[in-house]
Amino acid sequence: MTNQSFEDASSSDFSEHEAGNKKFRDTGGETFSRASDAARDAAEKAKRAAGDAASSVSDHVMGILNDQIVVGAQSANHFAGSMRIAADDLERESPTLAGLVRGFAHNVDHYADRFEDQTVEQLVKSASDLTRKQPALVFGLAALAGFFAYRTFKNASDSSVSSPPIQPARNPAGNYNE
């Protein structure tokens, strides 16, 4: 009987212990679920905030670029005006050259007016279309630009490096410095 009462007491303690474990697991599971939901909500809010910030920055940058296109077009119009003045000065000495300069000024004005009315997206689309239609022309222009950039940087680096003098320098008394 002693053994049987021990087993009864042991099994009731075990079932109480098992019930406590189940309650602990359920409570832990709920807490973990709530924490997981809170983390998921925080991540979604952070994503939305980052997306809104990126969109705001992107819109701001696009606005700045669009303003720069207008400024560039206005500068090109001023350049074309200066070319016309130069053509007027050339008219007496070289009417043919003056006509070429005027024609070039007209083309610059025309392109500047076209650019002034376009947005960055439209210019990118136009460049993309040109690349698809005339890939050889775009490749050739890129190669030409690369060549000029290379020559410019090469010449700039060559002129910035100076070699030491061949003869020793003289001091104010006329003697050579050692």
N, C-alpha and C. Protein backbone atom coordinates (compact mmCIF):
# COMPACT_ATOMS: atom_id res chain seq x y z
N MET A 1 0.81 -1.17 0.00
CA MET A 1 0.00 0.00 0.00
C MET A 1 0.87 1.25 0.00
N THR A 2 1.96 1.16 0.66
CA THR A 2 2.85 2.29 0.72
C THR A 2 3.36 2.62 -0.67
N ASN A 3 3.65 1.61 -1.42
CA ASN A 3 4.14 1.78 -2.76
C ASN A 3 3.06 2.37 -3.66
N GLN A 4 1.81 1.93 -3.43
CA GLN A 4 0.70 2.42 -4.26
C GLN A 4 0.41 3.87 -3.94
N SER A 5 0.48 4.29 -2.71
CA SER A 5 0.22 5.68 -2.36
C SER A 5 1.34 6.58 -2.90
N PHE A 6 2.54 6.05 -2.93
CA PHE A 6 3.65 6.81 -3.49
C PHE A 6 3.44 7.03 -5.00
N GLU A 7 2.95 5.98 -5.68
CA GLU A 7 2.70 6.11 -7.11
C GLU A 7 1.55 7.06 -7.36
N ASP A 8 0.51 7.04 -6.52
CA ASP A 8 -0.62 7.95 -6.69
C ASP A 8 -0.16 9.38 -6.44
N ALA A 9 0.64 9.59 -5.43
CA ALA A 9 1.15 10.93 -5.13
C ALA A 9 2.09 11.37 -6.24
N SER A 10 2.88 10.46 -6.72
CA SER A 10 3.83 10.77 -7.77
C SER A 10 3.10 11.10 -9.06
N SER A 11 2.07 10.36 -9.42
CA SER A 11 1.34 10.65 -10.66
C SER A 11 0.54 11.92 -10.54
N SER A 12 0.03 12.27 -9.38
CA SER A 12 -0.70 13.53 -9.25
C SER A 12 0.28 14.70 -9.32
N ASP A 13 1.47 14.55 -8.74
CA ASP A 13 2.49 15.59 -8.84
C ASP A 13 2.93 15.75 -10.30
N PHE A 14 3.06 14.63 -10.98
CA PHE A 14 3.47 14.65 -12.38
C PHE A 14 2.43 15.36 -13.24
N SER A 15 1.14 15.07 -13.01
CA SER A 15 0.09 15.71 -13.80
C SER A 15 0.01 17.20 -13.48
N GLU A 16 0.25 17.57 -12.23
CA GLU A 16 0.28 19.00 -11.88
C GLU A 16 1.49 19.67 -12.56
N HIS A 17 2.60 18.97 -12.53
CA HIS A 17 3.80 19.48 -13.16
C HIS A 17 3.59 19.61 -14.68
N GLU A 18 2.96 18.60 -15.27
CA GLU A 18 2.67 18.63 -16.71
C GLU A 18 1.71 19.78 -17.02
N ALA A 19 0.71 20.02 -16.21
CA ALA A 19 -0.24 21.12 -16.41
C ALA A 19 0.48 22.45 -16.29
N GLY A 20 1.40 22.56 -15.35
CA GLY A 20 2.18 23.79 -15.19
C GLY A 20 3.06 24.04 -16.41
N ASN A 21 3.66 22.96 -16.90
CA ASN A 21 4.48 23.08 -18.10
C ASN A 21 3.66 23.53 -19.29
N LYS A 22 2.46 22.97 -19.43
CA LYS A 22 1.58 23.33 -20.55
C LYS A 22 1.19 24.80 -20.45
N LYS A 23 0.85 25.24 -19.24
CA LYS A 23 0.48 26.64 -19.03
C LYS A 23 1.67 27.56 -19.35
N PHE A 24 2.85 27.14 -18.91
CA PHE A 24 4.05 27.92 -19.18
C PHE A 24 4.33 27.99 -20.69
N ARG A 25 4.18 26.84 -21.39
CA ARG A 25 4.37 26.82 -22.85
C ARG A 25 3.36 27.71 -23.54
N ASP A 26 2.10 27.63 -23.12
CA ASP A 26 1.06 28.45 -23.75
C ASP A 26 1.33 29.93 -23.53
N THR A 27 1.70 30.28 -22.31
CA THR A 27 2.00 31.68 -22.00
C THR A 27 3.22 32.13 -22.78
N GLY A 28 4.25 31.31 -22.83
CA GLY A 28 5.46 31.64 -23.60
C GLY A 28 5.16 31.76 -25.08
N GLY A 29 4.33 30.85 -25.57
CA GLY A 29 3.96 30.90 -26.99
C GLY A 29 3.20 32.18 -27.32
N GLU A 30 2.28 32.57 -26.44
CA GLU A 30 1.52 33.82 -26.66
C GLU A 30 2.46 35.02 -26.63
N THR A 31 3.36 35.02 -25.67
CA THR A 31 4.30 36.13 -25.55
C THR A 31 5.20 36.21 -26.79
N PHE A 32 5.69 35.07 -27.21
CA PHE A 32 6.52 35.03 -28.41
C PHE A 32 5.73 35.48 -29.64
N SER A 33 4.48 35.05 -29.73
CA SER A 33 3.63 35.44 -30.86
C SER A 33 3.39 36.95 -30.86
N ARG A 34 3.13 37.51 -29.67
CA ARG A 34 2.92 38.96 -29.59
C ARG A 34 4.20 39.72 -29.96
N ALA A 35 5.32 39.24 -29.45
CA ALA A 35 6.60 39.89 -29.76
C ALA A 35 6.91 39.79 -31.25
N SER A 36 6.61 38.64 -31.83
CA SER A 36 6.84 38.44 -33.26
C SER A 36 5.95 39.37 -34.08
N ASP A 37 4.68 39.49 -33.68
CA ASP A 37 3.76 40.40 -34.37
C ASP A 37 4.23 41.85 -34.23
N ALA A 38 4.67 42.22 -33.05
CA ALA A 38 5.15 43.58 -32.83
C ALA A 38 6.39 43.86 -33.69
N ALA A 39 7.29 42.90 -33.76
CA ALA A 39 8.49 43.07 -34.59
C ALA A 39 8.12 43.17 -36.06
N ARG A 40 7.17 42.35 -36.49
CA ARG A 40 6.72 42.39 -37.89
C ARG A 40 6.09 43.75 -38.20
N ASP A 41 5.25 44.25 -37.28
CA ASP A 41 4.63 45.56 -37.49
C ASP A 41 5.68 46.67 -37.54
N ALA A 42 6.67 46.58 -36.64
CA ALA A 42 7.74 47.59 -36.63
C ALA A 42 8.53 47.53 -37.92
N ALA A 43 8.81 46.32 -38.43
CA ALA A 43 9.55 46.19 -39.68
C ALA A 43 8.76 46.77 -40.85
N GLU A 44 7.45 46.53 -40.87
CA GLU A 44 6.62 47.09 -41.94
C GLU A 44 6.59 48.61 -41.86
N LYS A 45 6.49 49.15 -40.66
CA LYS A 45 6.50 50.61 -40.50
C LYS A 45 7.84 51.19 -40.95
N ALA A 46 8.93 50.51 -40.60
CA ALA A 46 10.26 50.97 -41.00
C ALA A 46 10.40 50.91 -42.52
N LYS A 47 9.88 49.84 -43.14
CA LYS A 47 9.93 49.73 -44.60
C LYS A 47 9.16 50.87 -45.25
N ARG A 48 7.96 51.12 -44.73
CA ARG A 48 7.16 52.21 -45.30
C ARG A 48 7.86 53.55 -45.13
N ALA A 49 8.42 53.78 -43.94
CA ALA A 49 9.12 55.05 -43.69
C ALA A 49 10.33 55.18 -44.62
N ALA A 50 11.08 54.09 -44.80
CA ALA A 50 12.24 54.13 -45.69
C ALA A 50 11.79 54.36 -47.13
N GLY A 51 10.71 53.70 -47.52
CA GLY A 51 10.19 53.89 -48.87
C GLY A 51 9.72 55.32 -49.10
N ASP A 52 9.04 55.87 -48.09
CA ASP A 52 8.58 57.27 -48.21
C ASP A 52 9.77 58.22 -48.27
N ALA A 53 10.78 57.96 -47.44
CA ALA A 53 11.96 58.83 -47.45
C ALA A 53 12.69 58.73 -48.79
N ALA A 54 12.83 57.51 -49.30
CA ALA A 54 13.50 57.33 -50.59
C ALA A 54 12.70 58.00 -51.70
N SER A 55 11.41 57.88 -51.64
CA SER A 55 10.56 58.52 -52.65
C SER A 55 10.69 60.04 -52.56
N SER A 56 10.72 60.55 -51.36
CA SER A 56 10.86 62.00 -51.17
C SER A 56 12.20 62.49 -51.69
N VAL A 57 13.27 61.76 -51.38
CA VAL A 57 14.60 62.13 -51.86
C VAL A 57 14.66 62.03 -53.38
N SER A 58 14.08 60.96 -53.92
CA SER A 58 14.08 60.77 -55.36
C SER A 58 13.33 61.91 -56.05
N ASP A 59 12.17 62.27 -55.50
CA ASP A 59 11.41 63.38 -56.08
C ASP A 59 12.20 64.69 -56.00
N HIS A 60 12.89 64.89 -54.89
CA HIS A 60 13.69 66.11 -54.72
C HIS A 60 14.83 66.15 -55.74
N VAL A 61 15.52 65.03 -55.90
CA VAL A 61 16.63 64.97 -56.85
C VAL A 61 16.12 65.19 -58.27
N MET A 62 14.99 64.57 -58.60
CA MET A 62 14.42 64.76 -59.95
C MET A 62 14.05 66.22 -60.17
N GLY A 63 13.53 66.87 -59.15
CA GLY A 63 13.21 68.30 -59.26
C GLY A 63 14.46 69.13 -59.52
N ILE A 64 15.53 68.81 -58.79
CA ILE A 64 16.79 69.54 -58.99
C ILE A 64 17.32 69.31 -60.40
N LEU A 65 17.27 68.06 -60.86
CA LEU A 65 17.77 67.76 -62.21
C LEU A 65 16.93 68.46 -63.28
N ASN A 66 15.62 68.49 -63.09
CA ASN A 66 14.76 69.19 -64.04
C ASN A 66 15.09 70.68 -64.06
N ASP A 67 15.35 71.26 -62.88
CA ASP A 67 15.74 72.67 -62.82
C ASP A 67 17.07 72.89 -63.54
N GLN A 68 18.00 71.95 -63.38
CA GLN A 68 19.30 72.08 -64.04
C GLN A 68 19.18 71.98 -65.56
N ILE A 69 18.23 71.20 -66.03
CA ILE A 69 18.00 71.12 -67.48
C ILE A 69 17.55 72.48 -67.99
N VAL A 70 16.65 73.12 -67.26
CA VAL A 70 16.18 74.45 -67.67
C VAL A 70 17.32 75.45 -67.66
N VAL A 71 18.14 75.41 -66.60
CA VAL A 71 19.28 76.33 -66.51
C VAL A 71 20.27 76.07 -67.65
N GLY A 72 20.52 74.79 -67.95
CA GLY A 72 21.43 74.46 -69.05
C GLY A 72 20.89 74.94 -70.39
N ALA A 73 19.58 74.80 -70.60
CA ALA A 73 18.98 75.26 -71.85
C ALA A 73 19.07 76.78 -71.96
N GLN A 74 18.87 77.47 -70.86
CA GLN A 74 19.00 78.93 -70.88
C GLN A 74 20.44 79.35 -71.17
N SER A 75 21.39 78.62 -70.59
CA SER A 75 22.81 78.92 -70.87
C SER A 75 23.12 78.69 -72.35
N ALA A 76 22.56 77.63 -72.92
CA ALA A 76 22.77 77.36 -74.34
C ALA A 76 22.16 78.48 -75.20
N ASN A 77 21.00 78.99 -74.80
CA ASN A 77 20.39 80.11 -75.52
C ASN A 77 21.28 81.35 -75.45
N HIS A 78 21.88 81.60 -74.28
CA HIS A 78 22.81 82.74 -74.15
C HIS A 78 24.04 82.53 -75.03
N PHE A 79 24.54 81.31 -75.08
CA PHE A 79 25.69 80.99 -75.92
C PHE A 79 25.34 81.23 -77.39
N ALA A 80 24.13 80.82 -77.79
CA ALA A 80 23.70 81.04 -79.18
C ALA A 80 23.62 82.53 -79.48
N GLY A 81 23.15 83.31 -78.52
CA GLY A 81 23.11 84.78 -78.70
C GLY A 81 24.50 85.35 -78.88
N SER A 82 25.45 84.85 -78.10
CA SER A 82 26.84 85.31 -78.23
C SER A 82 27.41 84.92 -79.59
N MET A 83 27.03 83.75 -80.07
CA MET A 83 27.49 83.32 -81.38
C MET A 83 26.92 84.23 -82.47
N ARG A 84 25.69 84.67 -82.33
CA ARG A 84 25.11 85.59 -83.32
C ARG A 84 25.85 86.93 -83.33
N ILE A 85 26.21 87.41 -82.14
CA ILE A 85 26.97 88.66 -82.06
C ILE A 85 28.34 88.48 -82.74
N ALA A 86 28.96 87.34 -82.50
CA ALA A 86 30.24 87.07 -83.14
C ALA A 86 30.07 86.97 -84.66
N ALA A 87 28.96 86.40 -85.10
CA ALA A 87 28.70 86.29 -86.55
C ALA A 87 28.53 87.67 -87.15
N ASP A 88 27.86 88.58 -86.43
CA ASP A 88 27.71 89.95 -86.93
C ASP A 88 29.07 90.62 -87.07
N ASP A 89 29.97 90.39 -86.13
CA ASP A 89 31.32 90.96 -86.21
C ASP A 89 32.12 90.35 -87.36
N LEU A 90 31.88 89.08 -87.66
CA LEU A 90 32.59 88.41 -88.73
C LEU A 90 32.05 88.75 -90.12
N GLU A 91 30.86 89.29 -90.18
CA GLU A 91 30.17 89.52 -91.46
C GLU A 91 31.01 90.32 -92.45
N ARG A 92 31.70 91.36 -92.00
CA ARG A 92 32.48 92.21 -92.90
C ARG A 92 33.70 91.49 -93.45
N GLU A 93 34.36 90.72 -92.60
CA GLU A 93 35.61 90.10 -93.02
C GLU A 93 35.41 88.75 -93.71
N SER A 94 34.42 87.97 -93.24
CA SER A 94 34.21 86.64 -93.81
C SER A 94 32.72 86.30 -93.75
N PRO A 95 31.98 86.68 -94.79
CA PRO A 95 30.54 86.43 -94.78
C PRO A 95 30.20 84.93 -94.75
N THR A 96 31.00 84.11 -95.35
CA THR A 96 30.73 82.67 -95.36
C THR A 96 30.85 82.09 -93.96
N LEU A 97 31.92 82.45 -93.26
CA LEU A 97 32.11 81.98 -91.89
C LEU A 97 31.01 82.52 -90.98
N ALA A 98 30.60 83.76 -91.20
CA ALA A 98 29.52 84.35 -90.41
C ALA A 98 28.22 83.56 -90.61
N GLY A 99 27.96 83.14 -91.85
CA GLY A 99 26.77 82.34 -92.12
C GLY A 99 26.82 80.99 -91.42
N LEU A 100 28.00 80.35 -91.39
CA LEU A 100 28.14 79.08 -90.68
C LEU A 100 27.91 79.25 -89.18
N VAL A 101 28.45 80.33 -88.63
CA VAL A 101 28.28 80.58 -87.19
C VAL A 101 26.82 80.85 -86.88
N ARG A 102 26.13 81.60 -87.73
CA ARG A 102 24.70 81.84 -87.53
C ARG A 102 23.89 80.54 -87.60
N GLY A 103 24.23 79.68 -88.56
CA GLY A 103 23.55 78.39 -88.68
C GLY A 103 23.77 77.53 -87.43
N PHE A 104 25.00 77.53 -86.94
CA PHE A 104 25.29 76.79 -85.72
C PHE A 104 24.53 77.37 -84.53
N ALA A 105 24.46 78.71 -84.46
CA ALA A 105 23.71 79.37 -83.38
C ALA A 105 22.23 79.00 -83.45
N HIS A 106 21.69 78.93 -84.66
CA HIS A 106 20.29 78.53 -84.83
C HIS A 106 20.06 77.11 -84.32
N ASN A 107 20.98 76.19 -84.66
CA ASN A 107 20.86 74.80 -84.20
C ASN A 107 20.95 74.71 -82.67
N VAL A 108 21.87 75.45 -82.08
CA VAL A 108 22.01 75.44 -80.62
C VAL A 108 20.73 75.95 -79.98
N ASP A 109 20.17 77.05 -80.53
CA ASP A 109 18.90 77.58 -80.02
C ASP A 109 17.78 76.54 -80.12
N HIS A 110 17.70 75.88 -81.26
CA HIS A 110 16.66 74.88 -81.49
C HIS A 110 16.76 73.74 -80.48
N TYR A 111 17.96 73.20 -80.30
CA TYR A 111 18.14 72.10 -79.34
C TYR A 111 17.89 72.56 -77.90
N ALA A 112 18.31 73.76 -77.58
CA ALA A 112 18.09 74.28 -76.22
C ALA A 112 16.59 74.42 -75.95
N ASP A 113 15.84 74.90 -76.92
CA ASP A 113 14.39 75.02 -76.74
C ASP A 113 13.74 73.65 -76.56
N ARG A 114 14.23 72.65 -77.29
CA ARG A 114 13.68 71.30 -77.13
C ARG A 114 14.00 70.72 -75.76
N PHE A 115 15.21 70.94 -75.28
CA PHE A 115 15.59 70.42 -73.97
C PHE A 115 14.87 71.13 -72.83
N GLU A 116 14.61 72.40 -73.00
CA GLU A 116 14.00 73.19 -71.93
C GLU A 116 12.61 72.67 -71.58
N ASP A 117 11.90 72.12 -72.53
CA ASP A 117 10.54 71.66 -72.30
C ASP A 117 10.46 70.20 -71.88
N GLN A 118 11.60 69.53 -71.68
CA GLN A 118 11.58 68.11 -71.34
C GLN A 118 12.00 67.88 -69.90
N THR A 119 11.55 66.75 -69.36
CA THR A 119 11.95 66.35 -68.01
C THR A 119 13.09 65.34 -68.11
N VAL A 120 13.65 65.00 -66.98
CA VAL A 120 14.74 64.04 -66.94
C VAL A 120 14.28 62.69 -67.50
N GLU A 121 13.08 62.28 -67.11
CA GLU A 121 12.56 60.99 -67.58
C GLU A 121 12.45 60.97 -69.10
N GLN A 122 11.98 62.07 -69.68
CA GLN A 122 11.83 62.15 -71.13
C GLN A 122 13.19 62.12 -71.82
N LEU A 123 14.17 62.79 -71.25
CA LEU A 123 15.52 62.79 -71.84
C LEU A 123 16.14 61.39 -71.76
N VAL A 124 15.94 60.71 -70.65
CA VAL A 124 16.47 59.36 -70.51
C VAL A 124 15.81 58.43 -71.53
N LYS A 125 14.51 58.58 -71.69
CA LYS A 125 13.78 57.75 -72.66
C LYS A 125 14.28 58.05 -74.08
N SER A 126 14.50 59.32 -74.40
CA SER A 126 15.01 59.69 -75.72
C SER A 126 16.40 59.10 -75.96
N ALA A 127 17.25 59.17 -74.95
CA ALA A 127 18.60 58.61 -75.07
C ALA A 127 18.54 57.09 -75.23
N SER A 128 17.65 56.47 -74.51
CA SER A 128 17.48 55.02 -74.62
C SER A 128 16.99 54.63 -76.01
N ASP A 129 16.03 55.40 -76.53
CA ASP A 129 15.52 55.13 -77.88
C ASP A 129 16.63 55.30 -78.92
N LEU A 130 17.43 56.35 -78.79
CA LEU A 130 18.52 56.59 -79.73
C LEU A 130 19.53 55.44 -79.67
N THR A 131 19.81 54.96 -78.46
CA THR A 131 20.75 53.86 -78.30
C THR A 131 20.24 52.60 -78.99
N ARG A 132 18.93 52.36 -78.90
CA ARG A 132 18.35 51.18 -79.56
C ARG A 132 18.36 51.34 -81.07
N LYS A 133 18.07 52.55 -81.55
CA LYS A 133 17.97 52.77 -83.01
C LYS A 133 19.33 52.91 -83.68
N GLN A 134 20.28 53.54 -83.00
CA GLN A 134 21.59 53.84 -83.60
C GLN A 134 22.72 53.42 -82.66
N PRO A 135 22.89 52.13 -82.39
CA PRO A 135 23.92 51.72 -81.44
C PRO A 135 25.34 52.07 -81.90
N ALA A 136 25.60 52.03 -83.18
CA ALA A 136 26.95 52.35 -83.67
C ALA A 136 27.28 53.82 -83.43
N LEU A 137 26.31 54.68 -83.64
CA LEU A 137 26.53 56.11 -83.41
C LEU A 137 26.83 56.37 -81.93
N VAL A 138 26.04 55.77 -81.05
CA VAL A 138 26.24 55.97 -79.61
C VAL A 138 27.59 55.40 -79.18
N PHE A 139 27.94 54.22 -79.69
CA PHE A 139 29.23 53.63 -79.36
C PHE A 139 30.37 54.53 -79.85
N GLY A 140 30.24 55.06 -81.05
CA GLY A 140 31.26 55.95 -81.60
C GLY A 140 31.41 57.22 -80.78
N LEU A 141 30.28 57.81 -80.37
CA LEU A 141 30.34 59.01 -79.54
C LEU A 141 30.96 58.72 -78.17
N ALA A 142 30.63 57.56 -77.61
CA ALA A 142 31.22 57.19 -76.32
C ALA A 142 32.72 56.98 -76.45
N ALA A 143 33.15 56.36 -77.54
CA ALA A 143 34.58 56.16 -77.77
C ALA A 143 35.29 57.50 -77.95
N LEU A 144 34.67 58.41 -78.70
CA LEU A 144 35.24 59.73 -78.92
C LEU A 144 35.34 60.50 -77.60
N ALA A 145 34.30 60.45 -76.79
CA ALA A 145 34.32 61.12 -75.49
C ALA A 145 35.41 60.51 -74.60
N GLY A 146 35.53 59.19 -74.62
CA GLY A 146 36.58 58.53 -73.84
C GLY A 146 37.96 58.93 -74.30
N PHE A 147 38.15 59.06 -75.62
CA PHE A 147 39.44 59.47 -76.15
C PHE A 147 39.79 60.88 -75.66
N PHE A 148 38.83 61.81 -75.76
CA PHE A 148 39.09 63.18 -75.33
C PHE A 148 39.33 63.24 -73.82
N ALA A 149 38.59 62.47 -73.06
CA ALA A 149 38.80 62.46 -71.60
C ALA A 149 40.19 61.92 -71.28
N TYR A 150 40.59 60.85 -71.95
CA TYR A 150 41.91 60.27 -71.74
C TYR A 150 43.01 61.29 -72.06
N ARG A 151 42.88 61.95 -73.21
CA ARG A 151 43.89 62.93 -73.62
C ARG A 151 43.93 64.10 -72.64
N THR A 152 42.78 64.53 -72.18
CA THR A 152 42.73 65.66 -71.24
C THR A 152 43.41 65.30 -69.93
N PHE A 153 43.08 64.14 -69.38
CA PHE A 153 43.69 63.74 -68.11
C PHE A 153 45.16 63.42 -68.26
N LYS A 154 45.53 62.85 -69.38
CA LYS A 154 46.94 62.54 -69.62
C LYS A 154 47.75 63.83 -69.72
N ASN A 155 47.25 64.81 -70.45
CA ASN A 155 47.96 66.08 -70.58
C ASN A 155 48.00 66.83 -69.25
N ALA A 156 46.92 66.74 -68.48
CA ALA A 156 46.90 67.42 -67.19
C ALA A 156 47.92 66.80 -66.24
N SER A 157 48.04 65.48 -66.26
CA SER A 157 49.01 64.84 -65.36
C SER A 157 50.44 65.07 -65.84
N ASP A 158 50.66 65.17 -67.13
CA ASP A 158 52.01 65.43 -67.65
C ASP A 158 52.49 66.82 -67.26
N SER A 159 51.60 67.81 -67.31
CA SER A 159 52.02 69.17 -67.01
C SER A 159 52.15 69.42 -65.52
N SER A 160 51.53 68.61 -64.69
CA SER A 160 51.61 68.84 -63.25
C SER A 160 52.88 68.23 -62.65
N VAL A 161 53.55 67.34 -63.37
CA VAL A 161 54.78 66.72 -62.88
C VAL A 161 55.95 67.52 -63.43
N SER A 162 56.73 68.05 -62.51
CA SER A 162 57.89 68.82 -62.98
C SER A 162 59.16 68.03 -62.66
N SER A 163 60.12 68.16 -63.53
CA SER A 163 61.38 67.46 -63.31
C SER A 163 62.33 68.38 -62.56
N PRO A 164 63.25 67.82 -61.82
CA PRO A 164 64.21 68.66 -61.09
C PRO A 164 65.15 69.35 -62.07
N PRO A 165 65.69 70.48 -61.66
CA PRO A 165 66.61 71.18 -62.56
C PRO A 165 67.87 70.35 -62.79
N ILE A 166 68.44 70.53 -63.98
CA ILE A 166 69.64 69.78 -64.34
C ILE A 166 70.87 70.37 -63.65
N GLN A 167 70.95 71.69 -63.60
CA GLN A 167 72.10 72.35 -62.98
C GLN A 167 71.76 72.71 -61.54
N PRO A 168 72.76 72.72 -60.69
CA PRO A 168 72.52 73.09 -59.28
C PRO A 168 72.13 74.57 -59.20
N ALA A 169 71.34 74.89 -58.20
CA ALA A 169 70.88 76.26 -58.03
C ALA A 169 71.98 77.12 -57.42
N ARG A 170 71.94 78.41 -57.73
CA ARG A 170 72.92 79.34 -57.16
C ARG A 170 72.25 80.13 -56.05
N ASN A 171 73.04 80.47 -55.05
CA ASN A 171 72.51 81.32 -53.98
C ASN A 171 72.70 82.78 -54.39
N PRO A 172 72.15 83.74 -53.62
CA PRO A 172 72.25 85.17 -54.04
C PRO A 172 73.68 85.67 -54.18
N ALA A 173 74.64 85.05 -53.53
CA ALA A 173 76.03 85.49 -53.67
C ALA A 173 76.67 84.99 -54.95
N GLY A 174 75.95 84.13 -55.69
CA GLY A 174 76.46 83.63 -56.95
C GLY A 174 77.15 82.31 -56.83
N ASN A 175 77.22 81.76 -55.64
CA ASN A 175 77.87 80.47 -55.41
C ASN A 175 76.83 79.35 -55.60
N TYR A 176 77.34 78.18 -55.94
CA TYR A 176 76.45 77.03 -56.09
C TYR A 176 76.10 76.45 -54.74
N ASN A 177 74.82 76.07 -54.59
CA ASN A 177 74.39 75.38 -53.36
C ASN A 177 74.76 73.92 -53.47
N GLU A 178 75.13 73.34 -52.37
CA GLU A 178 75.45 71.91 -52.40
C GLU A 178 74.36 71.13 -51.81
